[in-house]
Each structure stands twice: as C-alpha cells, then as structure tokens.
Amino acid sequence: MTEYTFDSWLRAQANRRDPIGSLAQDYRADCNAHGLTSMTAAELRASMLTQCACSGAMQALTIAQREWNQQLRRERQEAQHRASLARAAQSRPRAHSLPLTNAAGHTEAPLETTPAESE
C-alpha cells in the first residue's frame, strides 16, 4: 500500500485544471519560495488563514482534504481485502493428485482432491 502524506498527494495534483490544481500549484510555489519541505493539511490551513486566503482557496483545501482522505480509505480497504484473500488462500487445503486407473487397468489423468478426500 502506498501511504501518501497530504503534502505529496497535494503536490501530485498540480496538473489538474480545477481549484485543487490551482491550490497545489500555489502550495508548491510557496514551499519553494519559503524553503519549506512539507506541511500537513492542518499546517497549510493555519498558514492560509494567517495569510487571509480567499474563501475559494479555503474551500479548495477542504475539498482536497476530503479527496485525500477518501483515497487513503480506499487504499486501506483494498490492502485489507488483499490480506484477507491471502489469508484465505493460505488456510485452504492443498490439492493432491491421485492417478486414475480405468476398467482396462490403464492410468488416466490425475484427479485433484483435497487431503480429507484422499484419506
């Protein structure tokens, strides 16, 4: 599972042609201009409030946080599902091959059985 930070997720949105893309571009430029390496969503919100960001920028940040949280939730659910499938596969009995002999005494293709069936 790729666990993004809000910073890396937001920077990756810079090519979008919507308010989140605009926010991402401004964020990247501000970080570069001020020598910042990264900010959490809460730190960015506080910074934007301190700088009296417009309501549209604040709304874009709210939507961006919601999208980021939804993506994290989806990735966690997918990882849990994959882990559940792996556990189920590990607990499944292994198949054994038993040769078949027909009425004439010739061996045919093996039959797949579980260990319980072969006992």
C-alpha atoms as a PDB file:
ATOM      1  CA  MET A   1       0.000   0.000   0.000  1.00  0.00           C
ATOM      2  CA  THR A   2       1.291   3.430  -0.877  1.00  0.00           C
ATOM      3  CA  GLU A   3       0.566   5.692   2.040  1.00  0.00           C
ATOM      4  CA  TYR A   4       0.741   9.294   0.891  1.00  0.00           C
ATOM      5  CA  THR A   5       1.288  12.295   3.060  1.00  0.00           C
ATOM      6  CA  PHE A   6      -1.040  15.168   2.346  1.00  0.00           C
ATOM      7  CA  ASP A   7       1.964  17.118   1.100  1.00  0.00           C
ATOM      8  CA  SER A   8       2.977  14.528  -1.511  1.00  0.00           C
ATOM      9  CA  TRP A   9      -0.639  13.979  -2.569  1.00  0.00           C
ATOM     10  CA  LEU A  10      -1.286  17.713  -2.982  1.00  0.00           C
ATOM     11  CA  ARG A  11       1.929  18.275  -4.941  1.00  0.00           C
ATOM     12  CA  ALA A  12       0.886  15.482  -7.337  1.00  0.00           C
ATOM     13  CA  GLN A  13      -2.380  17.351  -8.068  1.00  0.00           C
ATOM     14  CA  ALA A  14      -0.638  20.361  -9.656  1.00  0.00           C
ATOM     15  CA  ASN A  15      -1.568  19.349 -13.234  1.00  0.00           C
ATOM     16  CA  ARG A  16      -5.291  19.314 -12.508  1.00  0.00           C
ATOM     17  CA  ARG A  17      -7.377  22.013 -14.161  1.00  0.00           C
ATOM     18  CA  ASP A  18      -9.610  22.775 -11.195  1.00  0.00           C
ATOM     19  CA  PRO A  19      -9.359  24.650  -7.877  1.00  0.00           C
ATOM     20  CA  ILE A  20      -7.393  21.793  -6.287  1.00  0.00           C
ATOM     21  CA  GLY A  21      -4.842  22.005  -9.105  1.00  0.00           C
ATOM     22  CA  SER A  22      -4.574  25.739  -8.554  1.00  0.00           C
ATOM     23  CA  LEU A  23      -4.149  25.204  -4.809  1.00  0.00           C
ATOM     24  CA  ALA A  24      -1.451  22.604  -5.486  1.00  0.00           C
ATOM     25  CA  GLN A  25       0.438  24.959  -7.799  1.00  0.00           C
ATOM     26  CA  ASP A  26       0.297  27.771  -5.236  1.00  0.00           C
ATOM     27  CA  TYR A  27       1.374  25.382  -2.486  1.00  0.00           C
ATOM     28  CA  ARG A  28       4.385  24.175  -4.466  1.00  0.00           C
ATOM     29  CA  ALA A  29       5.392  27.724  -5.324  1.00  0.00           C
ATOM     30  CA  ASP A  30       5.031  28.902  -1.712  1.00  0.00           C
ATOM     31  CA  CYS A  31       7.020  25.942  -0.370  1.00  0.00           C
ATOM     32  CA  ASN A  32       9.784  26.604  -2.894  1.00  0.00           C
ATOM     33  CA  ALA A  33       9.788  30.352  -2.218  1.00  0.00           C
ATOM     34  CA  HIS A  34       9.997  29.923   1.557  1.00  0.00           C
ATOM     35  CA  GLY A  35      12.277  26.875   1.611  1.00  0.00           C
ATOM     36  CA  LEU A  36       9.631  24.626   3.168  1.00  0.00           C
ATOM     37  CA  THR A  37       9.920  20.897   2.641  1.00  0.00           C
ATOM     38  CA  SER A  38       6.347  19.966   3.533  1.00  0.00           C
ATOM     39  CA  MET A  39       3.263  20.830   5.566  1.00  0.00           C
ATOM     40  CA  THR A  40       0.426  18.832   6.980  1.00  0.00           C
ATOM     41  CA  ALA A  41      -3.100  19.760   5.944  1.00  0.00           C
ATOM     42  CA  ALA A  42      -3.627  21.420   9.336  1.00  0.00           C
ATOM     43  CA  GLU A  43      -0.423  23.454   8.982  1.00  0.00           C
ATOM     44  CA  LEU A  44      -1.432  24.534   5.480  1.00  0.00           C
ATOM     45  CA  ARG A  45      -4.879  25.564   6.691  1.00  0.00           C
ATOM     46  CA  ALA A  46      -3.366  27.605   9.546  1.00  0.00           C
ATOM     47  CA  SER A  47      -0.921  29.229   7.147  1.00  0.00           C
ATOM     48  CA  MET A  48      -3.671  30.100   4.697  1.00  0.00           C
ATOM     49  CA  LEU A  49      -5.808  31.601   7.486  1.00  0.00           C
ATOM     50  CA  THR A  50      -2.830  33.663   8.696  1.00  0.00           C
ATOM     51  CA  GLN A  51      -2.311  34.954   5.154  1.00  0.00           C
ATOM     52  CA  CYS A  52      -6.060  35.743   4.803  1.00  0.00           C
ATOM     53  CA  ALA A  53      -6.543  33.346   1.874  1.00  0.00           C
ATOM     54  CA  CYS A  54      -9.738  33.847  -0.094  1.00  0.00           C
ATOM     55  CA  SER A  55     -12.792  31.680   0.588  1.00  0.00           C
ATOM     56  CA  GLY A  56     -12.323  29.854  -2.735  1.00  0.00           C
ATOM     57  CA  ALA A  57      -8.817  28.745  -1.736  1.00  0.00           C
ATOM     58  CA  MET A  58     -10.065  27.627   1.682  1.00  0.00           C
ATOM     59  CA  GLN A  59     -12.880  25.673   0.040  1.00  0.00           C
ATOM     60  CA  ALA A  60     -10.391  24.055  -2.374  1.00  0.00           C
ATOM     61  CA  LEU A  61      -8.315  22.962   0.639  1.00  0.00           C
ATOM     62  CA  THR A  62     -11.386  21.447   2.307  1.00  0.00           C
ATOM     63  CA  ILE A  63     -12.253  19.519  -0.859  1.00  0.00           C
ATOM     64  CA  ALA A  64      -8.621  18.447  -1.296  1.00  0.00           C
ATOM     65  CA  GLN A  65      -8.523  17.082   2.258  1.00  0.00           C
ATOM     66  CA  ARG A  66     -11.747  15.174   1.630  1.00  0.00           C
ATOM     67  CA  GLU A  67     -10.390  13.646  -1.604  1.00  0.00           C
ATOM     68  CA  TRP A  68      -7.117  12.713   0.072  1.00  0.00           C
ATOM     69  CA  ASN A  69      -8.926  11.044   2.978  1.00  0.00           C
ATOM     70  CA  GLN A  70     -11.167   9.126   0.560  1.00  0.00           C
ATOM     71  CA  GLN A  71      -8.124   7.896  -1.354  1.00  0.00           C
ATOM     72  CA  LEU A  72      -6.427   6.755   1.863  1.00  0.00           C
ATOM     73  CA  ARG A  73      -9.595   4.955   2.955  1.00  0.00           C
ATOM     74  CA  ARG A  74      -9.874   3.194  -0.435  1.00  0.00           C
ATOM     75  CA  GLU A  75      -6.231   2.112  -0.334  1.00  0.00           C
ATOM     76  CA  ARG A  76      -6.586   0.769   3.206  1.00  0.00           C
ATOM     77  CA  GLN A  77      -9.742  -1.168   2.262  1.00  0.00           C
ATOM     78  CA  GLU A  78      -8.017  -2.642  -0.809  1.00  0.00           C
ATOM     79  CA  ALA A  79      -4.994  -3.644   1.293  1.00  0.00           C
ATOM     80  CA  GLN A  80      -7.252  -5.283   3.884  1.00  0.00           C
ATOM     81  CA  HIS A  81      -9.111  -7.134   1.123  1.00  0.00           C
ATOM     82  CA  ARG A  82      -5.841  -8.394  -0.408  1.00  0.00           C
ATOM     83  CA  ALA A  83      -4.628  -9.519   3.029  1.00  0.00           C
ATOM     84  CA  SER A  84      -7.928 -11.313   3.638  1.00  0.00           C
ATOM     85  CA  LEU A  85      -7.636 -13.120   0.294  1.00  0.00           C
ATOM     86  CA  ALA A  86      -4.054 -14.116   1.074  1.00  0.00           C
ATOM     87  CA  ARG A  87      -5.066 -15.491   4.493  1.00  0.00           C
ATOM     88  CA  ALA A  88      -7.924 -17.449   2.902  1.00  0.00           C
ATOM     89  CA  ALA A  89      -5.584 -18.886   0.263  1.00  0.00           C
ATOM     90  CA  GLN A  90      -3.113 -19.965   2.953  1.00  0.00           C
ATOM     91  CA  SER A  91      -5.776 -21.708   5.017  1.00  0.00           C
ATOM     92  CA  ARG A  92      -7.290 -23.528   2.023  1.00  0.00           C
ATOM     93  CA  PRO A  93      -6.360 -27.257   1.898  1.00  0.00           C
ATOM     94  CA  ARG A  94      -3.794 -28.160  -0.734  1.00  0.00           C
ATOM     95  CA  ALA A  95      -4.900 -30.372  -3.619  1.00  0.00           C
ATOM     96  CA  HIS A  96      -3.279 -33.795  -4.122  1.00  0.00           C
ATOM     97  CA  SER A  97      -3.082 -35.622  -7.413  1.00  0.00           C
ATOM     98  CA  LEU A  98      -4.215 -39.238  -7.444  1.00  0.00           C
ATOM     99  CA  PRO A  99      -3.710 -41.345 -10.570  1.00  0.00           C
ATOM    100  CA  LEU A 100      -6.841 -42.931 -12.009  1.00  0.00           C
ATOM    101  CA  THR A 101      -6.969 -46.412 -13.364  1.00  0.00           C
ATOM    102  CA  ASN A 102      -9.718 -47.233 -15.832  1.00  0.00           C
ATOM    103  CA  ALA A 103     -11.510 -50.581 -16.146  1.00  0.00           C
ATOM    104  CA  ALA A 104      -8.834 -51.836 -18.530  1.00  0.00           C
ATOM    105  CA  GLY A 105      -6.105 -51.081 -15.964  1.00  0.00           C
ATOM    106  CA  HIS A 106      -4.664 -48.039 -17.801  1.00  0.00           C
ATOM    107  CA  THR A 107      -3.649 -44.925 -15.840  1.00  0.00           C
ATOM    108  CA  GLU A 108      -5.520 -41.740 -16.792  1.00  0.00           C
ATOM    109  CA  ALA A 109      -5.048 -38.080 -15.909  1.00  0.00           C
ATOM    110  CA  PRO A 110      -4.721 -37.385 -12.190  1.00  0.00           C
ATOM    111  CA  LEU A 111      -7.736 -36.388 -10.146  1.00  0.00           C
ATOM    112  CA  GLU A 112      -7.401 -33.291  -7.963  1.00  0.00           C
ATOM    113  CA  THR A 113      -8.568 -33.946  -4.404  1.00  0.00           C
ATOM    114  CA  THR A 114      -8.173 -32.320  -1.027  1.00  0.00           C
ATOM    115  CA  PRO A 115      -6.264 -34.132   1.742  1.00  0.00           C
ATOM    116  CA  ALA A 116      -9.518 -35.092   3.509  1.00  0.00           C
ATOM    117  CA  GLU A 117     -10.818 -36.803   0.358  1.00  0.00           C
ATOM    118  CA  SER A 118      -7.637 -38.821  -0.167  1.00  0.00           C
ATOM    119  CA  GLU A 119      -7.705 -40.425   3.301  1.00  0.00           C
END
